[in-house]
Amino acid sequence: MMISEVSRTDCLIVGAGALGLLVAAAIKKSKKNNEKIGYVQVFNRRLLPCPVTVSLPEGETEDMTSDVQVDIPAWFTHSNSRRLVFFCLPPESTEEVSSSFLENIQPLCGSFQNINFIFCNNGCLSKSVMRQFESAGVATLRALFFIGAVRQEEADGCAVEWTGGNRAAWNVVVPGKASSLHSAQEALHHMSFPLSSGQRFVDWRQTENIVAMERCKFFTNFMLAAGIGRRKDKNKSLYSRLNSGTLDMAVSQCAQLWNIHGVNESDLKSVLSGTVAATGENINSLSLAAVHGNDNTMRWFLDFLASEIANAADLGDFSQLRTFVESVRVEWGM
């Protein structure tokens, strides 16, 4: 039986990595808790080995086996409901996949009036992909997840485990119609559920300067991977592996590099130290991926930062930061 489209919010998560499946499971649980109707589905380039499960906080598990599909579902392109699309992709894939997705669904949907796109990737959004979404005139949000998750895939199943954190910072990056954005804000508010601690999971917090926060989170992810290296080690090992002088230099030069985005030294230090404090026992995800032979995301981080330095050469002397980036590239065998 079809679900009524009246006052309904449907969610399509693009990408079945750890974050994508965690976001989908959290939305699915919040809908059940709040007795809200609406589809929740994950669109992925391939099917995953079954069963697909997600372990949420406080020992709860969501079965996502039937929710992962390799085709865009019919309900998405033949609906007048409020629809949210979450791009949960690695930064090196975000531009290509999101651009292709937009081009493919535009003739099928006809109008983006009731659709909001939410970029949830790590790293920083490229100018080219933002221009494409601006040209299409679609309401687009940016979300940054300070939440840890690990995906383990075996022949007999795929399991995602939440490893800590509950915060998601977000704001608008491409304005749409006021009513459309209000609907998105309202929908995000309902995509959360209470924990016994009194906090919420996911705790959606609208953040005034989301571009500055994006750079701060990029800095945190990069420095953790750069300091820990290609080894299986916990985030809390950063300060024992990276000397304070190198860290202070990176903070100072990145604050100068991104001053035009509203970034300052205090925020860079705060986000990094807060992340280490909250996820200190977590194995660093970029480093772990490299241990398993996948360093594509770290390559993207290094290339992006090198490009930012090259483009800002007239704004100051970033020779120390450039040297550090190249030393990390050598240490990672790139």
C-alpha atoms as a PDB file:
ATOM      1  CA  MET A   1       0.000   0.000   0.000  1.00  0.00           C
ATOM      2  CA  MET A   2       1.324   3.441  -0.927  1.00  0.00           C
ATOM      3  CA  ILE A   3       2.007   5.871   1.882  1.00  0.00           C
ATOM      4  CA  SER A   4      -0.044   9.055   1.746  1.00  0.00           C
ATOM      5  CA  GLU A   5       1.947  12.055   0.490  1.00  0.00           C
ATOM      6  CA  VAL A   6       0.180  14.449   2.823  1.00  0.00           C
ATOM      7  CA  SER A   7       2.654  15.943   5.341  1.00  0.00           C
ATOM      8  CA  ARG A   8       5.183  13.236   4.508  1.00  0.00           C
ATOM      9  CA  THR A   9       8.984  13.494   4.431  1.00  0.00           C
ATOM     10  CA  ASP A  10      10.868  10.884   2.404  1.00  0.00           C
ATOM     11  CA  CYS A  11      14.627  10.451   2.707  1.00  0.00           C
ATOM     12  CA  LEU A  12      17.084   9.126   0.150  1.00  0.00           C
ATOM     13  CA  ILE A  13      20.642   8.581   1.354  1.00  0.00           C
ATOM     14  CA  VAL A  14      23.206   8.415  -1.453  1.00  0.00           C
ATOM     15  CA  GLY A  15      26.132   6.223  -0.424  1.00  0.00           C
ATOM     16  CA  ALA A  16      26.182   3.126   1.776  1.00  0.00           C
ATOM     17  CA  GLY A  17      29.395   3.781   3.640  1.00  0.00           C
ATOM     18  CA  ALA A  18      29.525   3.897   7.431  1.00  0.00           C
ATOM     19  CA  LEU A  19      28.085   7.424   7.589  1.00  0.00           C
ATOM     20  CA  GLY A  20      25.356   6.820   5.012  1.00  0.00           C
ATOM     21  CA  LEU A  21      24.052   3.707   6.724  1.00  0.00           C
ATOM     22  CA  LEU A  22      24.297   5.327  10.170  1.00  0.00           C
ATOM     23  CA  VAL A  23      22.326   8.386   9.000  1.00  0.00           C
ATOM     24  CA  ALA A  24      19.698   6.164   7.356  1.00  0.00           C
ATOM     25  CA  ALA A  25      19.333   3.999  10.475  1.00  0.00           C
ATOM     26  CA  ALA A  26      19.057   7.046  12.749  1.00  0.00           C
ATOM     27  CA  ILE A  27      16.340   8.573  10.551  1.00  0.00           C
ATOM     28  CA  LYS A  28      14.477   5.256  10.369  1.00  0.00           C
ATOM     29  CA  LYS A  29      14.498   4.892  14.164  1.00  0.00           C
ATOM     30  CA  SER A  30      13.450   8.517  14.753  1.00  0.00           C
ATOM     31  CA  LYS A  31      10.520   8.090  12.365  1.00  0.00           C
ATOM     32  CA  LYS A  32       9.372   5.007  14.284  1.00  0.00           C
ATOM     33  CA  ASN A  33       9.782   6.767  17.622  1.00  0.00           C
ATOM     34  CA  ASN A  34       7.882   9.840  16.454  1.00  0.00           C
ATOM     35  CA  GLU A  35       5.304   7.755  14.567  1.00  0.00           C
ATOM     36  CA  LYS A  36       6.130   9.658  11.381  1.00  0.00           C
ATOM     37  CA  ILE A  37       5.369   8.100   8.000  1.00  0.00           C
ATOM     38  CA  GLY A  38       7.798   8.297   5.104  1.00  0.00           C
ATOM     39  CA  TYR A  39      10.296   6.282   3.108  1.00  0.00           C
ATOM     40  CA  VAL A  40      13.951   5.906   4.128  1.00  0.00           C
ATOM     41  CA  GLN A  41      16.181   4.279   1.529  1.00  0.00           C
ATOM     42  CA  VAL A  42      19.895   4.073   0.683  1.00  0.00           C
ATOM     43  CA  PHE A  43      20.947   4.412  -2.964  1.00  0.00           C
ATOM     44  CA  ASN A  44      24.309   2.761  -3.585  1.00  0.00           C
ATOM     45  CA  ARG A  45      26.384   1.770  -6.618  1.00  0.00           C
ATOM     46  CA  ARG A  46      26.270  -1.887  -5.543  1.00  0.00           C
ATOM     47  CA  LEU A  47      24.338  -4.144  -3.210  1.00  0.00           C
ATOM     48  CA  LEU A  48      25.960  -5.106   0.069  1.00  0.00           C
ATOM     49  CA  PRO A  49      26.269  -8.636   1.455  1.00  0.00           C
ATOM     50  CA  CYS A  50      23.267  -9.427   3.641  1.00  0.00           C
ATOM     51  CA  PRO A  51      22.224  -8.915   6.314  1.00  0.00           C
ATOM     52  CA  VAL A  52      22.995  -5.184   6.640  1.00  0.00           C
ATOM     53  CA  THR A  53      22.770  -3.983  10.230  1.00  0.00           C
ATOM     54  CA  VAL A  54      23.552  -0.756  12.067  1.00  0.00           C
ATOM     55  CA  SER A  55      24.320  -0.646  15.785  1.00  0.00           C
ATOM     56  CA  LEU A  56      23.019   2.596  17.305  1.00  0.00           C
ATOM     57  CA  PRO A  57      23.671   4.042  20.780  1.00  0.00           C
ATOM     58  CA  GLU A  58      22.407   2.186  23.843  1.00  0.00           C
ATOM     59  CA  GLY A  59      22.535  -1.242  22.279  1.00  0.00           C
ATOM     60  CA  GLU A  60      19.844  -0.822  19.630  1.00  0.00           C
ATOM     61  CA  THR A  61      20.258  -2.319  16.167  1.00  0.00           C
ATOM     62  CA  GLU A  62      18.453  -1.419  12.941  1.00  0.00           C
ATOM     63  CA  ASP A  63      18.113  -3.953  10.134  1.00  0.00           C
ATOM     64  CA  MET A  64      18.795  -2.041   6.883  1.00  0.00           C
ATOM     65  CA  THR A  65      18.975  -5.071   4.580  1.00  0.00           C
ATOM     66  CA  SER A  66      15.927  -4.214   2.464  1.00  0.00           C
ATOM     67  CA  ASP A  67      16.693  -0.482   2.465  1.00  0.00           C
ATOM     68  CA  VAL A  68      19.837  -0.559   0.272  1.00  0.00           C
ATOM     69  CA  GLN A  69      19.065  -0.372  -3.463  1.00  0.00           C
ATOM     70  CA  VAL A  70      21.084   0.117  -6.654  1.00  0.00           C
ATOM     71  CA  ASP A  71      18.315   2.031  -8.466  1.00  0.00           C
ATOM     72  CA  ILE A  72      16.673   5.334  -7.659  1.00  0.00           C
ATOM     73  CA  PRO A  73      13.328   4.298  -6.143  1.00  0.00           C
ATOM     74  CA  ALA A  74      10.093   5.084  -7.993  1.00  0.00           C
ATOM     75  CA  TRP A  75       8.685   6.891  -4.963  1.00  0.00           C
ATOM     76  CA  PHE A  76      11.420   9.510  -5.277  1.00  0.00           C
ATOM     77  CA  THR A  77      10.767  10.540  -8.886  1.00  0.00           C
ATOM     78  CA  HIS A  78       6.975  10.098  -8.826  1.00  0.00           C
ATOM     79  CA  SER A  79       6.044  11.991  -5.693  1.00  0.00           C
ATOM     80  CA  ASN A  80       4.918  15.379  -4.439  1.00  0.00           C
ATOM     81  CA  SER A  81       6.118  14.682  -0.914  1.00  0.00           C
ATOM     82  CA  ARG A  82       8.852  16.608   0.842  1.00  0.00           C
ATOM     83  CA  ARG A  83      12.065  14.795  -0.075  1.00  0.00           C
ATOM     84  CA  LEU A  84      15.533  15.060   1.447  1.00  0.00           C
ATOM     85  CA  VAL A  85      18.615  13.749  -0.351  1.00  0.00           C
ATOM     86  CA  PHE A  86      21.676  13.127   1.844  1.00  0.00           C
ATOM     87  CA  PHE A  87      24.974  12.837  -0.064  1.00  0.00           C
ATOM     88  CA  CYS A  88      27.092  10.631   2.241  1.00  0.00           C
ATOM     89  CA  LEU A  89      30.066  10.105  -0.028  1.00  0.00           C
ATOM     90  CA  PRO A  90      33.867  10.197   0.252  1.00  0.00           C
ATOM     91  CA  PRO A  91      35.171  13.671  -0.694  1.00  0.00           C
ATOM     92  CA  GLU A  92      36.963  12.296  -3.754  1.00  0.00           C
ATOM     93  CA  SER A  93      33.622  10.990  -5.094  1.00  0.00           C
ATOM     94  CA  THR A  94      31.283  13.766  -3.980  1.00  0.00           C
ATOM     95  CA  GLU A  95      31.537  16.040  -7.022  1.00  0.00           C
ATOM     96  CA  GLU A  96      31.191  13.335  -9.679  1.00  0.00           C
ATOM     97  CA  VAL A  97      28.374  11.380  -7.998  1.00  0.00           C
ATOM     98  CA  SER A  98      26.292  14.366  -6.853  1.00  0.00           C
ATOM     99  CA  SER A  99      26.573  16.091 -10.241  1.00  0.00           C
ATOM    100  CA  SER A 100      25.573  12.910 -12.055  1.00  0.00           C
ATOM    101  CA  PHE A 101      22.678  12.341  -9.657  1.00  0.00           C
ATOM    102  CA  LEU A 102      21.353  15.865 -10.213  1.00  0.00           C
ATOM    103  CA  GLU A 103      21.580  15.540 -13.999  1.00  0.00           C
ATOM    104  CA  ASN A 104      19.856  12.157 -14.002  1.00  0.00           C
ATOM    105  CA  ILE A 105      16.888  13.052 -11.810  1.00  0.00           C
ATOM    106  CA  GLN A 106      16.179  16.520 -13.209  1.00  0.00           C
ATOM    107  CA  PRO A 107      14.235  15.246 -16.257  1.00  0.00           C
ATOM    108  CA  LEU A 108      12.497  12.612 -14.104  1.00  0.00           C
ATOM    109  CA  CYS A 109      11.345  14.941 -11.323  1.00  0.00           C
ATOM    110  CA  GLY A 110      10.623  17.956 -13.482  1.00  0.00           C
ATOM    111  CA  SER A 111      10.761  20.298 -10.511  1.00  0.00           C
ATOM    112  CA  PHE A 112      12.926  20.513  -7.392  1.00  0.00           C
ATOM    113  CA  GLN A 113      10.254  22.437  -5.522  1.00  0.00           C
ATOM    114  CA  ASN A 114       9.886  19.963  -2.655  1.00  0.00           C
ATOM    115  CA  ILE A 115      13.424  18.538  -2.697  1.00  0.00           C
ATOM    116  CA  ASN A 116      16.332  19.564  -0.499  1.00  0.00           C
ATOM    117  CA  PHE A 117      19.887  18.310  -0.983  1.00  0.00           C
ATOM    118  CA  ILE A 118      22.190  17.884   2.009  1.00  0.00           C
ATOM    119  CA  PHE A 119      25.934  17.404   1.539  1.00  0.00           C
ATOM    120  CA  CYS A 120      27.278  15.265   4.393  1.00  0.00           C
ATOM    121  CA  ASN A 121      30.745  14.475   3.039  1.00  0.00           C
ATOM    122  CA  ASN A 122      34.009  15.052   4.837  1.00  0.00           C
ATOM    123  CA  GLY A 123      36.401  17.492   3.232  1.00  0.00           C
ATOM    124  CA  CYS A 124      35.280  20.726   1.573  1.00  0.00           C
ATOM    125  CA  LEU A 125      32.720  21.258  -1.168  1.00  0.00           C
ATOM    126  CA  SER A 126      34.189  22.300  -4.495  1.00  0.00           C
ATOM    127  CA  LYS A 127      33.183  25.552  -6.168  1.00  0.00           C
ATOM    128  CA  SER A 128      32.200  23.713  -9.348  1.00  0.00           C
ATOM    129  CA  VAL A 129      29.624  21.459  -7.693  1.00  0.00           C
ATOM    130  CA  MET A 130      28.162  24.400  -5.801  1.00  0.00           C
ATOM    131  CA  ARG A 131      27.800  26.348  -9.041  1.00  0.00           C
ATOM    132  CA  GLN A 132      25.885  23.432 -10.567  1.00  0.00           C
ATOM    133  CA  PHE A 133      23.421  23.288  -7.672  1.00  0.00           C
ATOM    134  CA  GLU A 134      23.066  27.080  -7.666  1.00  0.00           C
ATOM    135  CA  SER A 135      22.304  27.009 -11.408  1.00  0.00           C
ATOM    136  CA  ALA A 136      19.645  24.360 -10.825  1.00  0.00           C
ATOM    137  CA  GLY A 137      18.086  26.597  -8.170  1.00  0.00           C
ATOM    138  CA  VAL A 138      17.724  23.820  -5.603  1.00  0.00           C
ATOM    139  CA  ALA A 139      17.760  24.401  -1.870  1.00  0.00           C
ATOM    140  CA  THR A 140      21.019  22.881  -0.636  1.00  0.00           C
ATOM    141  CA  LEU A 141      22.311  22.390   2.887  1.00  0.00           C
ATOM    142  CA  ARG A 142      25.719  21.487   4.295  1.00  0.00           C
ATOM    143  CA  ALA A 143      25.965  19.097   7.238  1.00  0.00           C
ATOM    144  CA  LEU A 144      29.106  18.152   9.159  1.00  0.00           C
ATOM    145  CA  PHE A 145      28.923  15.066  11.355  1.00  0.00           C
ATOM    146  CA  PHE A 146      30.978  14.897  14.528  1.00  0.00           C
ATOM    147  CA  ILE A 147      29.997  11.267  14.872  1.00  0.00           C
ATOM    148  CA  GLY A 148      32.145   8.172  14.523  1.00  0.00           C
ATOM    149  CA  ALA A 149      31.147   4.943  12.800  1.00  0.00           C
ATOM    150  CA  VAL A 150      32.937   1.889  11.429  1.00  0.00           C
ATOM    151  CA  ARG A 151      31.676  -0.406   8.674  1.00  0.00           C
ATOM    152  CA  GLN A 152      32.782  -4.031   8.487  1.00  0.00           C
ATOM    153  CA  GLU A 153      31.917  -5.963   5.350  1.00  0.00           C
ATOM    154  CA  GLU A 154      32.243  -9.736   5.164  1.00  0.00           C
ATOM    155  CA  ALA A 155      30.873 -12.346   2.767  1.00  0.00           C
ATOM    156  CA  ASP A 156      28.069 -13.155   5.206  1.00  0.00           C
ATOM    157  CA  GLY A 157      26.962  -9.621   5.987  1.00  0.00           C
ATOM    158  CA  CYS A 158      27.704  -5.930   6.471  1.00  0.00           C
ATOM    159  CA  ALA A 159      27.636  -4.266   9.883  1.00  0.00           C
ATOM    160  CA  VAL A 160      28.042  -0.643  10.934  1.00  0.00           C
ATOM    161  CA  GLU A 161      28.899   0.249  14.516  1.00  0.00           C
ATOM    162  CA  TRP A 162      28.479   3.697  16.063  1.00  0.00           C
ATOM    163  CA  THR A 163      31.701   4.581  17.903  1.00  0.00           C
ATOM    164  CA  GLY A 164      30.905   7.893  19.555  1.00  0.00           C
ATOM    165  CA  GLY A 165      29.628  11.442  19.117  1.00  0.00           C
ATOM    166  CA  ASN A 166      26.145  12.749  18.384  1.00  0.00           C
ATOM    167  CA  ARG A 167      26.485  16.236  16.906  1.00  0.00           C
ATOM    168  CA  ALA A 168      25.719  17.391  13.360  1.00  0.00           C
ATOM    169  CA  ALA A 169      26.402  21.025  12.437  1.00  0.00           C
ATOM    170  CA  TRP A 170      24.435  22.336   9.470  1.00  0.00           C
ATOM    171  CA  ASN A 171      23.296  25.397   7.558  1.00  0.00           C
ATOM    172  CA  VAL A 172      22.113  26.530   4.140  1.00  0.00           C
ATOM    173  CA  VAL A 173      24.683  26.907   1.354  1.00  0.00           C
ATOM    174  CA  VAL A 174      22.313  27.398  -1.607  1.00  0.00           C
ATOM    175  CA  PRO A 175      19.072  29.174  -0.655  1.00  0.00           C
ATOM    176  CA  GLY A 176      15.797  27.945  -2.079  1.00  0.00           C
ATOM    177  CA  LYS A 177      12.280  29.110  -1.439  1.00  0.00           C
ATOM    178  CA  ALA A 178      11.746  30.206   2.151  1.00  0.00           C
ATOM    179  CA  SER A 179       8.955  27.678   2.664  1.00  0.00           C
ATOM    180  CA  SER A 180      11.133  24.879   1.308  1.00  0.00           C
ATOM    181  CA  LEU A 181      13.982  25.657   3.689  1.00  0.00           C
ATOM    182  CA  HIS A 182      11.597  25.983   6.611  1.00  0.00           C
ATOM    183  CA  SER A 183      10.296  22.519   5.772  1.00  0.00           C
ATOM    184  CA  ALA A 184      13.854  21.153   5.737  1.00  0.00           C
ATOM    185  CA  GLN A 185      14.605  22.704   9.131  1.00  0.00           C
ATOM    186  CA  GLU A 186      11.448  21.216  10.568  1.00  0.00           C
ATOM    187  CA  ALA A 187      12.229  17.810   9.061  1.00  0.00           C
ATOM    188  CA  LEU A 188      15.771  17.757  10.480  1.00  0.00           C
ATOM    189  CA  HIS A 189      14.400  18.608  13.911  1.00  0.00           C
ATOM    190  CA  HIS A 190      12.268  15.462  13.801  1.00  0.00           C
ATOM    191  CA  MET A 191      15.141  13.263  12.584  1.00  0.00           C
ATOM    192  CA  SER A 192      16.499  12.752  16.047  1.00  0.00           C
ATOM    193  CA  PHE A 193      15.687  10.668  19.084  1.00  0.00           C
ATOM    194  CA  PRO A 194      16.451  11.067  22.803  1.00  0.00           C
ATOM    195  CA  LEU A 195      19.156   9.132  24.628  1.00  0.00           C
ATOM    196  CA  SER A 196      19.050   8.166  28.287  1.00  0.00           C
ATOM    197  CA  SER A 197      21.736  10.803  28.949  1.00  0.00           C
ATOM    198  CA  GLY A 198      19.261  13.523  27.997  1.00  0.00           C
ATOM    199  CA  GLN A 199      21.127  14.280  24.754  1.00  0.00           C
ATOM    200  CA  ARG A 200      19.773  13.531  21.311  1.00  0.00           C
ATOM    201  CA  PHE A 201      21.022  11.405  18.456  1.00  0.00           C
ATOM    202  CA  VAL A 202      21.546  12.985  15.922  1.00  0.00           C
ATOM    203  CA  ASP A 203      21.758  16.434  17.558  1.00  0.00           C
ATOM    204  CA  TRP A 204      21.189  18.760  14.583  1.00  0.00           C
ATOM    205  CA  ARG A 205      22.616  22.218  15.346  1.00  0.00           C
ATOM    206  CA  GLN A 206      22.276  25.098  12.916  1.00  0.00           C
ATOM    207  CA  THR A 207      25.720  26.737  12.713  1.00  0.00           C
ATOM    208  CA  GLU A 208      26.064  30.348  11.595  1.00  0.00           C
ATOM    209  CA  ASN A 209      29.289  30.087   9.559  1.00  0.00           C
ATOM    210  CA  ILE A 210      29.125  26.573   8.169  1.00  0.00           C
ATOM    211  CA  VAL A 211      31.943  27.279   5.679  1.00  0.00           C
ATOM    212  CA  ALA A 212      34.322  28.148   8.518  1.00  0.00           C
ATOM    213  CA  MET A 213      33.207  25.039  10.410  1.00  0.00           C
ATOM    214  CA  GLU A 214      33.797  22.976   7.256  1.00  0.00           C
ATOM    215  CA  ARG A 215      37.428  24.150   7.172  1.00  0.00           C
ATOM    216  CA  CYS A 216      37.841  23.484  10.904  1.00  0.00           C
ATOM    217  CA  LYS A 217      36.596  19.933  10.503  1.00  0.00           C
ATOM    218  CA  PHE A 218      38.808  19.446   7.451  1.00  0.00           C
ATOM    219  CA  PHE A 219      41.776  20.583   9.537  1.00  0.00           C
ATOM    220  CA  THR A 220      40.871  18.156  12.328  1.00  0.00           C
ATOM    221  CA  ASN A 221      40.475  15.174  10.002  1.00  0.00           C
ATOM    222  CA  PHE A 222      43.680  16.009   8.155  1.00  0.00           C
ATOM    223  CA  MET A 223      45.829  16.559  11.237  1.00  0.00           C
ATOM    224  CA  LEU A 224      44.616  13.351  12.875  1.00  0.00           C
ATOM    225  CA  ALA A 225      45.533  11.332   9.785  1.00  0.00           C
ATOM    226  CA  ALA A 226      48.786  13.228   9.225  1.00  0.00           C
ATOM    227  CA  GLY A 227      49.903  12.743  12.832  1.00  0.00           C
ATOM    228  CA  ILE A 228      48.820   9.121  13.238  1.00  0.00           C
ATOM    229  CA  GLY A 229      49.989   8.062   9.780  1.00  0.00           C
ATOM    230  CA  ARG A 230      49.328   4.779   8.002  1.00  0.00           C
ATOM    231  CA  ARG A 231      48.826   2.737  11.143  1.00  0.00           C
ATOM    232  CA  LYS A 232      45.971   1.340  13.199  1.00  0.00           C
ATOM    233  CA  ASP A 233      45.937   3.674  16.159  1.00  0.00           C
ATOM    234  CA  LYS A 234      43.509   5.679  18.255  1.00  0.00           C
ATOM    235  CA  ASN A 235      42.756   9.378  17.841  1.00  0.00           C
ATOM    236  CA  LYS A 236      44.123  10.117  21.317  1.00  0.00           C
ATOM    237  CA  SER A 237      47.611   9.149  20.106  1.00  0.00           C
ATOM    238  CA  LEU A 238      47.806  12.327  18.001  1.00  0.00           C
ATOM    239  CA  TYR A 239      49.462  14.471  20.667  1.00  0.00           C
ATOM    240  CA  SER A 240      52.146  11.871  21.387  1.00  0.00           C
ATOM    241  CA  ARG A 241      52.925  11.367  17.705  1.00  0.00           C
ATOM    242  CA  LEU A 242      52.882  14.993  16.519  1.00  0.00           C
ATOM    243  CA  ASN A 243      55.077  17.515  18.322  1.00  0.00           C
ATOM    244  CA  SER A 244      53.469  20.708  19.609  1.00  0.00           C
ATOM    245  CA  GLY A 245      55.634  22.955  17.426  1.00  0.00           C
ATOM    246  CA  THR A 246      54.373  21.318  14.224  1.00  0.00           C
ATOM    247  CA  LEU A 247      50.789  21.486  15.432  1.00  0.00           C
ATOM    248  CA  ASP A 248      51.102  25.163  16.388  1.00  0.00           C
ATOM    249  CA  MET A 249      52.600  25.951  12.978  1.00  0.00           C
ATOM    250  CA  ALA A 250      49.768  24.171  11.178  1.00  0.00           C
ATOM    251  CA  VAL A 251      47.135  25.974  13.262  1.00  0.00           C
ATOM    252  CA  SER A 252      48.730  29.370  12.636  1.00  0.00           C
ATOM    253  CA  GLN A 253      49.231  28.919   8.894  1.00  0.00           C
ATOM    254  CA  CYS A 254      45.812  27.346   8.250  1.00  0.00           C
ATOM    255  CA  ALA A 255      44.116  30.165  10.174  1.00  0.00           C
ATOM    256  CA  GLN A 256      45.917  32.628   7.926  1.00  0.00           C
ATOM    257  CA  LEU A 257      45.135  30.567   4.817  1.00  0.00           C
ATOM    258  CA  TRP A 258      41.396  30.428   5.600  1.00  0.00           C
ATOM    259  CA  ASN A 259      40.958  33.823   7.221  1.00  0.00           C
ATOM    260  CA  ILE A 260      38.804  34.846   4.238  1.00  0.00           C
ATOM    261  CA  HIS A 261      36.329  32.127   5.285  1.00  0.00           C
ATOM    262  CA  GLY A 262      36.146  33.400   8.868  1.00  0.00           C
ATOM    263  CA  VAL A 263      38.486  30.769  10.314  1.00  0.00           C
ATOM    264  CA  ASN A 264      40.667  31.627  13.309  1.00  0.00           C
ATOM    265  CA  GLU A 265      43.274  29.817  15.423  1.00  0.00           C
ATOM    266  CA  SER A 266      40.983  29.452  18.421  1.00  0.00           C
ATOM    267  CA  ASP A 267      38.292  27.623  16.420  1.00  0.00           C
ATOM    268  CA  LEU A 268      40.813  25.314  14.748  1.00  0.00           C
ATOM    269  CA  LYS A 269      42.256  24.315  18.124  1.00  0.00           C
ATOM    270  CA  SER A 270      38.824  23.990  19.719  1.00  0.00           C
ATOM    271  CA  VAL A 271      37.374  21.673  17.070  1.00  0.00           C
ATOM    272  CA  LEU A 272      40.518  19.520  17.047  1.00  0.00           C
ATOM    273  CA  SER A 273      40.806  19.199  20.826  1.00  0.00           C
ATOM    274  CA  GLY A 274      37.061  18.655  21.195  1.00  0.00           C
ATOM    275  CA  THR A 275      37.108  15.901  18.591  1.00  0.00           C
ATOM    276  CA  VAL A 276      40.066  14.143  20.210  1.00  0.00           C
ATOM    277  CA  ALA A 277      38.380  14.394  23.620  1.00  0.00           C
ATOM    278  CA  ALA A 278      35.109  12.955  22.292  1.00  0.00           C
ATOM    279  CA  THR A 279      36.591  10.266  20.015  1.00  0.00           C
ATOM    280  CA  GLY A 280      39.952   9.548  21.635  1.00  0.00           C
ATOM    281  CA  GLU A 281      39.273   5.804  21.865  1.00  0.00           C
ATOM    282  CA  ASN A 282      38.237   5.561  18.200  1.00  0.00           C
ATOM    283  CA  ILE A 283      40.653   4.114  15.641  1.00  0.00           C
ATOM    284  CA  ASN A 284      41.367   6.903  13.154  1.00  0.00           C
ATOM    285  CA  SER A 285      39.301   6.143  10.056  1.00  0.00           C
ATOM    286  CA  LEU A 286      41.612   7.616   7.378  1.00  0.00           C
ATOM    287  CA  SER A 287      44.618   5.827   8.840  1.00  0.00           C
ATOM    288  CA  LEU A 288      42.701   2.562   9.164  1.00  0.00           C
ATOM    289  CA  ALA A 289      41.536   2.789   5.552  1.00  0.00           C
ATOM    290  CA  ALA A 290      45.163   3.209   4.454  1.00  0.00           C
ATOM    291  CA  VAL A 291      46.180   0.147   6.486  1.00  0.00           C
ATOM    292  CA  HIS A 292      43.620  -1.768   4.444  1.00  0.00           C
ATOM    293  CA  GLY A 293      45.054  -0.401   1.197  1.00  0.00           C
ATOM    294  CA  ASN A 294      42.681   2.514   0.554  1.00  0.00           C
ATOM    295  CA  ASP A 295      44.356   5.919   0.749  1.00  0.00           C
ATOM    296  CA  ASN A 296      42.172   7.688  -1.835  1.00  0.00           C
ATOM    297  CA  THR A 297      40.559  10.036   0.697  1.00  0.00           C
ATOM    298  CA  MET A 298      43.902  11.041   2.232  1.00  0.00           C
ATOM    299  CA  ARG A 299      45.222  11.731  -1.271  1.00  0.00           C
ATOM    300  CA  TRP A 300      42.232  14.017  -1.791  1.00  0.00           C
ATOM    301  CA  PHE A 301      42.951  15.816   1.496  1.00  0.00           C
ATOM    302  CA  LEU A 302      46.593  16.362   0.571  1.00  0.00           C
ATOM    303  CA  ASP A 303      45.776  17.537  -2.963  1.00  0.00           C
ATOM    304  CA  PHE A 304      43.058  19.887  -1.730  1.00  0.00           C
ATOM    305  CA  LEU A 305      45.288  21.512   0.871  1.00  0.00           C
ATOM    306  CA  ALA A 306      48.165  21.837  -1.613  1.00  0.00           C
ATOM    307  CA  SER A 307      45.770  23.519  -4.067  1.00  0.00           C
ATOM    308  CA  GLU A 308      44.501  25.914  -1.380  1.00  0.00           C
ATOM    309  CA  ILE A 309      48.102  26.895  -0.562  1.00  0.00           C
ATOM    310  CA  ALA A 310      48.988  27.406  -4.234  1.00  0.00           C
ATOM    311  CA  ASN A 311      45.907  29.574  -4.846  1.00  0.00           C
ATOM    312  CA  ALA A 312      46.642  31.746  -1.798  1.00  0.00           C
ATOM    313  CA  ALA A 313      50.330  32.303  -2.499  1.00  0.00           C
ATOM    314  CA  ASP A 314      49.802  36.058  -2.748  1.00  0.00           C
ATOM    315  CA  LEU A 315      48.133  36.210   0.691  1.00  0.00           C
ATOM    316  CA  GLY A 316      51.184  35.234   2.708  1.00  0.00           C
ATOM    317  CA  ASP A 317      54.109  32.909   3.184  1.00  0.00           C
ATOM    318  CA  PHE A 318      52.854  29.351   3.578  1.00  0.00           C
ATOM    319  CA  SER A 319      56.200  27.658   2.973  1.00  0.00           C
ATOM    320  CA  GLN A 320      56.170  25.837   6.338  1.00  0.00           C
ATOM    321  CA  LEU A 321      52.692  24.458   5.722  1.00  0.00           C
ATOM    322  CA  ARG A 322      53.621  23.469   2.161  1.00  0.00           C
ATOM    323  CA  THR A 323      56.700  21.631   3.448  1.00  0.00           C
ATOM    324  CA  PHE A 324      54.584  19.831   6.060  1.00  0.00           C
ATOM    325  CA  VAL A 325      52.047  18.719   3.443  1.00  0.00           C
ATOM    326  CA  GLU A 326      54.812  17.329   1.246  1.00  0.00           C
ATOM    327  CA  SER A 327      56.451  15.546   4.194  1.00  0.00           C
ATOM    328  CA  VAL A 328      53.127  13.880   5.024  1.00  0.00           C
ATOM    329  CA  ARG A 329      52.761  12.848   1.385  1.00  0.00           C
ATOM    330  CA  VAL A 330      56.206  11.210   1.520  1.00  0.00           C
ATOM    331  CA  GLU A 331      55.494   9.499   4.849  1.00  0.00           C
ATOM    332  CA  TRP A 332      52.267   8.070   3.416  1.00  0.00           C
ATOM    333  CA  GLY A 333      54.182   6.722   0.406  1.00  0.00           C
ATOM    334  CA  MET A 334      52.521   9.000  -2.112  1.00  0.00           C
END
